């Protein structure tokens, strides 16, 4: 069993051993649940949509270049 101190802001440091077991890294979210008199800490599932944000960045160049290209193709018809 490990011990951690609560700060004035109610924050607790998760001991390294548990962060490694749950594969929790800085900036990731965790879930808390209560089971009887126990508080259970779980790694929050990743949102698959957030992994897609920015995936296509730069494919079409800048947005202005892409708009000009589309307009020129449209006007050429």
N, C-alpha and C. Protein backbone atom coordinates (compact mmCIF):
# COMPACT_ATOMS: atom_id res chain seq x y z
N UNK A 1 0.85 -1.17 0.00
CA UNK A 1 0.00 0.00 0.00
C UNK A 1 0.89 1.24 0.00
N UNK A 2 0.47 2.26 -0.75
CA UNK A 2 1.26 3.49 -0.85
C UNK A 2 0.45 4.65 -0.29
N UNK A 3 1.14 5.72 0.06
CA UNK A 3 0.50 6.87 0.67
C UNK A 3 0.83 8.12 -0.15
N UNK A 4 -0.12 9.05 -0.22
CA UNK A 4 0.08 10.31 -0.91
C UNK A 4 -0.63 11.40 -0.12
N UNK A 5 -0.08 12.59 -0.11
CA UNK A 5 -0.63 13.69 0.68
C UNK A 5 -1.54 14.56 -0.20
N UNK A 6 -2.66 15.02 0.38
CA UNK A 6 -3.58 15.90 -0.33
C UNK A 6 -3.13 17.35 -0.13
N UNK A 7 -3.06 18.11 -1.25
CA UNK A 7 -2.66 19.51 -1.18
C UNK A 7 -3.85 20.38 -0.75
N UNK A 8 -3.58 21.67 -0.54
CA UNK A 8 -4.65 22.61 -0.17
C UNK A 8 -5.72 22.69 -1.25
N UNK A 9 -5.33 22.43 -2.49
CA UNK A 9 -6.28 22.48 -3.61
C UNK A 9 -7.01 21.16 -3.82
N UNK A 10 -6.76 20.19 -2.94
CA UNK A 10 -7.42 18.90 -3.05
C UNK A 10 -6.77 17.97 -4.05
N UNK A 11 -5.54 18.28 -4.46
CA UNK A 11 -4.83 17.47 -5.44
C UNK A 11 -4.01 16.38 -4.76
N UNK A 12 -3.88 15.26 -5.45
CA UNK A 12 -3.11 14.13 -4.95
C UNK A 12 -2.19 13.66 -6.06
N UNK A 13 -0.95 13.33 -5.71
CA UNK A 13 -0.03 12.76 -6.68
C UNK A 13 -0.26 11.26 -6.73
N UNK A 14 -0.48 10.75 -7.95
CA UNK A 14 -0.63 9.30 -8.12
C UNK A 14 0.77 8.71 -8.14
N UNK A 15 1.07 7.80 -7.24
CA UNK A 15 2.41 7.22 -7.20
C UNK A 15 2.82 6.60 -8.55
N UNK A 16 4.09 6.70 -8.85
CA UNK A 16 4.64 6.24 -10.12
C UNK A 16 4.24 4.80 -10.45
N UNK A 17 4.29 3.93 -9.47
CA UNK A 17 3.96 2.52 -9.71
C UNK A 17 2.56 2.36 -10.29
N UNK A 18 1.59 3.14 -9.78
CA UNK A 18 0.21 3.06 -10.26
C UNK A 18 0.05 3.73 -11.62
N UNK A 19 0.77 4.84 -11.84
CA UNK A 19 0.74 5.48 -13.16
C UNK A 19 1.28 4.53 -14.22
N UNK A 20 2.32 3.80 -13.88
CA UNK A 20 2.89 2.84 -14.82
C UNK A 20 1.94 1.67 -15.06
N UNK A 21 1.33 1.16 -14.01
CA UNK A 21 0.38 0.04 -14.15
C UNK A 21 -0.80 0.40 -15.06
N UNK A 22 -1.32 1.63 -14.88
CA UNK A 22 -2.46 2.07 -15.68
C UNK A 22 -2.05 2.75 -16.99
N UNK A 23 -0.75 2.91 -17.18
CA UNK A 23 -0.20 3.58 -18.36
C UNK A 23 -0.80 4.98 -18.50
N UNK A 24 -0.78 5.73 -17.40
CA UNK A 24 -1.30 7.10 -17.37
C UNK A 24 -0.13 8.06 -17.56
N UNK A 25 -0.32 8.99 -18.48
CA UNK A 25 0.71 9.99 -18.75
C UNK A 25 0.16 11.38 -18.42
N UNK A 26 1.05 12.35 -18.27
CA UNK A 26 0.65 13.72 -17.97
C UNK A 26 -0.34 14.22 -19.02
N UNK A 27 -1.40 14.88 -18.58
CA UNK A 27 -2.39 15.43 -19.48
C UNK A 27 -3.55 14.49 -19.79
N UNK A 28 -3.40 13.21 -19.47
CA UNK A 28 -4.49 12.26 -19.70
C UNK A 28 -5.51 12.36 -18.57
N UNK A 29 -6.71 11.89 -18.83
CA UNK A 29 -7.78 11.96 -17.83
C UNK A 29 -7.94 10.62 -17.12
N UNK A 30 -8.43 10.71 -15.88
CA UNK A 30 -8.73 9.52 -15.09
C UNK A 30 -10.17 9.61 -14.60
N UNK A 31 -10.75 8.47 -14.28
CA UNK A 31 -12.11 8.40 -13.76
C UNK A 31 -12.06 7.97 -12.30
N UNK A 32 -12.96 8.52 -11.49
CA UNK A 32 -13.08 8.14 -10.10
C UNK A 32 -14.45 7.51 -9.88
N UNK A 33 -14.49 6.47 -9.06
CA UNK A 33 -15.74 5.81 -8.72
C UNK A 33 -15.66 5.40 -7.25
N UNK A 34 -16.80 5.25 -6.63
CA UNK A 34 -16.85 4.82 -5.23
C UNK A 34 -17.48 3.45 -5.17
N UNK A 35 -16.79 2.53 -4.51
CA UNK A 35 -17.30 1.18 -4.29
C UNK A 35 -17.25 0.93 -2.78
N UNK A 36 -18.39 1.09 -2.14
CA UNK A 36 -18.43 0.95 -0.69
C UNK A 36 -17.63 2.07 -0.04
N UNK A 37 -16.58 1.70 0.67
CA UNK A 37 -15.72 2.71 1.31
C UNK A 37 -14.43 2.93 0.53
N UNK A 38 -14.38 2.44 -0.71
CA UNK A 38 -13.18 2.57 -1.54
C UNK A 38 -13.41 3.55 -2.68
N UNK A 39 -12.38 4.29 -3.00
CA UNK A 39 -12.39 5.12 -4.21
C UNK A 39 -11.56 4.38 -5.24
N UNK A 40 -12.15 4.16 -6.40
CA UNK A 40 -11.48 3.43 -7.48
C UNK A 40 -11.05 4.42 -8.55
N UNK A 41 -9.81 4.32 -8.95
CA UNK A 41 -9.23 5.18 -9.99
C UNK A 41 -9.05 4.34 -11.25
N UNK A 42 -9.57 4.85 -12.37
CA UNK A 42 -9.44 4.14 -13.65
C UNK A 42 -8.94 5.11 -14.70
N UNK A 43 -8.21 4.58 -15.66
CA UNK A 43 -7.78 5.39 -16.79
C UNK A 43 -9.00 5.66 -17.67
N UNK A 44 -9.22 6.93 -18.02
CA UNK A 44 -10.37 7.28 -18.87
C UNK A 44 -10.10 6.80 -20.29
N UNK A 45 -11.13 6.26 -20.94
CA UNK A 45 -10.94 5.83 -22.32
C UNK A 45 -10.66 7.03 -23.21
N UNK A 46 -9.83 6.83 -24.21
CA UNK A 46 -9.53 7.91 -25.14
C UNK A 46 -10.72 8.11 -26.06
N UNK A 47 -10.93 9.36 -26.42
CA UNK A 47 -11.98 9.69 -27.36
C UNK A 47 -11.41 9.51 -28.77
N UNK A 48 -11.88 8.54 -29.55
CA UNK A 48 -11.30 8.30 -30.87
C UNK A 48 -11.44 9.49 -31.82
N UNK A 49 -12.42 10.34 -31.59
CA UNK A 49 -12.61 11.50 -32.46
C UNK A 49 -11.47 12.50 -32.28
N UNK A 50 -11.01 12.69 -31.04
CA UNK A 50 -9.94 13.65 -30.81
C UNK A 50 -8.64 13.20 -31.47
N UNK A 51 -8.47 11.91 -31.68
CA UNK A 51 -7.29 11.42 -32.37
C UNK A 51 -7.30 11.80 -33.84
N UNK A 52 -8.47 12.10 -34.40
CA UNK A 52 -8.59 12.44 -35.81
C UNK A 52 -8.40 13.93 -36.09
N UNK A 53 -8.48 14.76 -35.04
CA UNK A 53 -8.36 16.20 -35.23
C UNK A 53 -6.99 16.54 -35.80
N UNK A 54 -6.99 17.28 -36.90
CA UNK A 54 -5.75 17.72 -37.52
C UNK A 54 -5.10 16.67 -38.41
N UNK A 55 -5.73 15.54 -38.59
CA UNK A 55 -5.15 14.45 -39.36
C UNK A 55 -4.84 14.85 -40.81
N UNK A 56 -5.74 15.62 -41.42
CA UNK A 56 -5.56 16.00 -42.82
C UNK A 56 -4.90 17.35 -43.01
N UNK A 57 -4.36 17.92 -41.95
CA UNK A 57 -3.77 19.25 -42.02
C UNK A 57 -2.64 19.29 -43.04
N UNK A 58 -2.74 20.25 -43.94
CA UNK A 58 -1.69 20.45 -44.93
C UNK A 58 -1.86 19.65 -46.21
N UNK A 59 -2.85 18.79 -46.29
CA UNK A 59 -3.05 17.98 -47.49
C UNK A 59 -3.33 18.86 -48.70
N UNK A 60 -4.14 19.89 -48.51
CA UNK A 60 -4.53 20.76 -49.61
C UNK A 60 -3.75 22.07 -49.61
N UNK A 61 -2.66 22.16 -48.89
CA UNK A 61 -1.95 23.44 -48.76
C UNK A 61 -2.71 24.31 -47.78
N UNK A 62 -2.55 25.63 -47.92
CA UNK A 62 -3.30 26.52 -47.03
C UNK A 62 -4.73 26.60 -47.53
N UNK A 63 -5.63 27.03 -46.66
CA UNK A 63 -7.03 27.12 -47.05
C UNK A 63 -7.23 28.13 -48.16
N UNK A 64 -6.46 29.22 -48.15
CA UNK A 64 -6.58 30.24 -49.21
C UNK A 64 -6.15 29.67 -50.56
N UNK A 65 -5.06 28.92 -50.58
CA UNK A 65 -4.61 28.29 -51.83
C UNK A 65 -5.67 27.33 -52.36
N UNK A 66 -6.25 26.56 -51.46
CA UNK A 66 -7.28 25.59 -51.85
C UNK A 66 -8.51 26.30 -52.40
N UNK A 67 -8.93 27.39 -51.74
CA UNK A 67 -10.09 28.15 -52.22
C UNK A 67 -9.84 28.72 -53.61
N UNK A 68 -8.66 29.27 -53.83
CA UNK A 68 -8.33 29.84 -55.15
C UNK A 68 -8.33 28.75 -56.22
N UNK A 69 -7.81 27.57 -55.88
CA UNK A 69 -7.78 26.46 -56.83
C UNK A 69 -9.20 26.04 -57.19
N UNK A 70 -10.04 25.89 -56.18
CA UNK A 70 -11.42 25.47 -56.42
C UNK A 70 -12.17 26.51 -57.25
N UNK A 71 -11.96 27.80 -56.95
CA UNK A 71 -12.63 28.87 -57.70
C UNK A 71 -12.18 28.89 -59.16
N UNK A 72 -10.86 28.70 -59.37
CA UNK A 72 -10.36 28.73 -60.74
C UNK A 72 -10.89 27.53 -61.54
N UNK A 73 -11.01 26.39 -60.90
CA UNK A 73 -11.59 25.22 -61.58
C UNK A 73 -13.07 25.45 -61.88
N UNK A 74 -13.77 26.08 -60.95
CA UNK A 74 -15.20 26.35 -61.14
C UNK A 74 -15.40 27.34 -62.27
N UNK A 75 -14.60 28.41 -62.27
CA UNK A 75 -14.73 29.45 -63.30
C UNK A 75 -14.31 28.95 -64.67
N UNK A 76 -13.44 27.95 -64.72
CA UNK A 76 -12.95 27.41 -65.98
C UNK A 76 -13.97 26.55 -66.70
N UNK A 77 -15.05 26.17 -66.04
CA UNK A 77 -16.03 25.28 -66.67
C UNK A 77 -16.98 26.03 -67.56
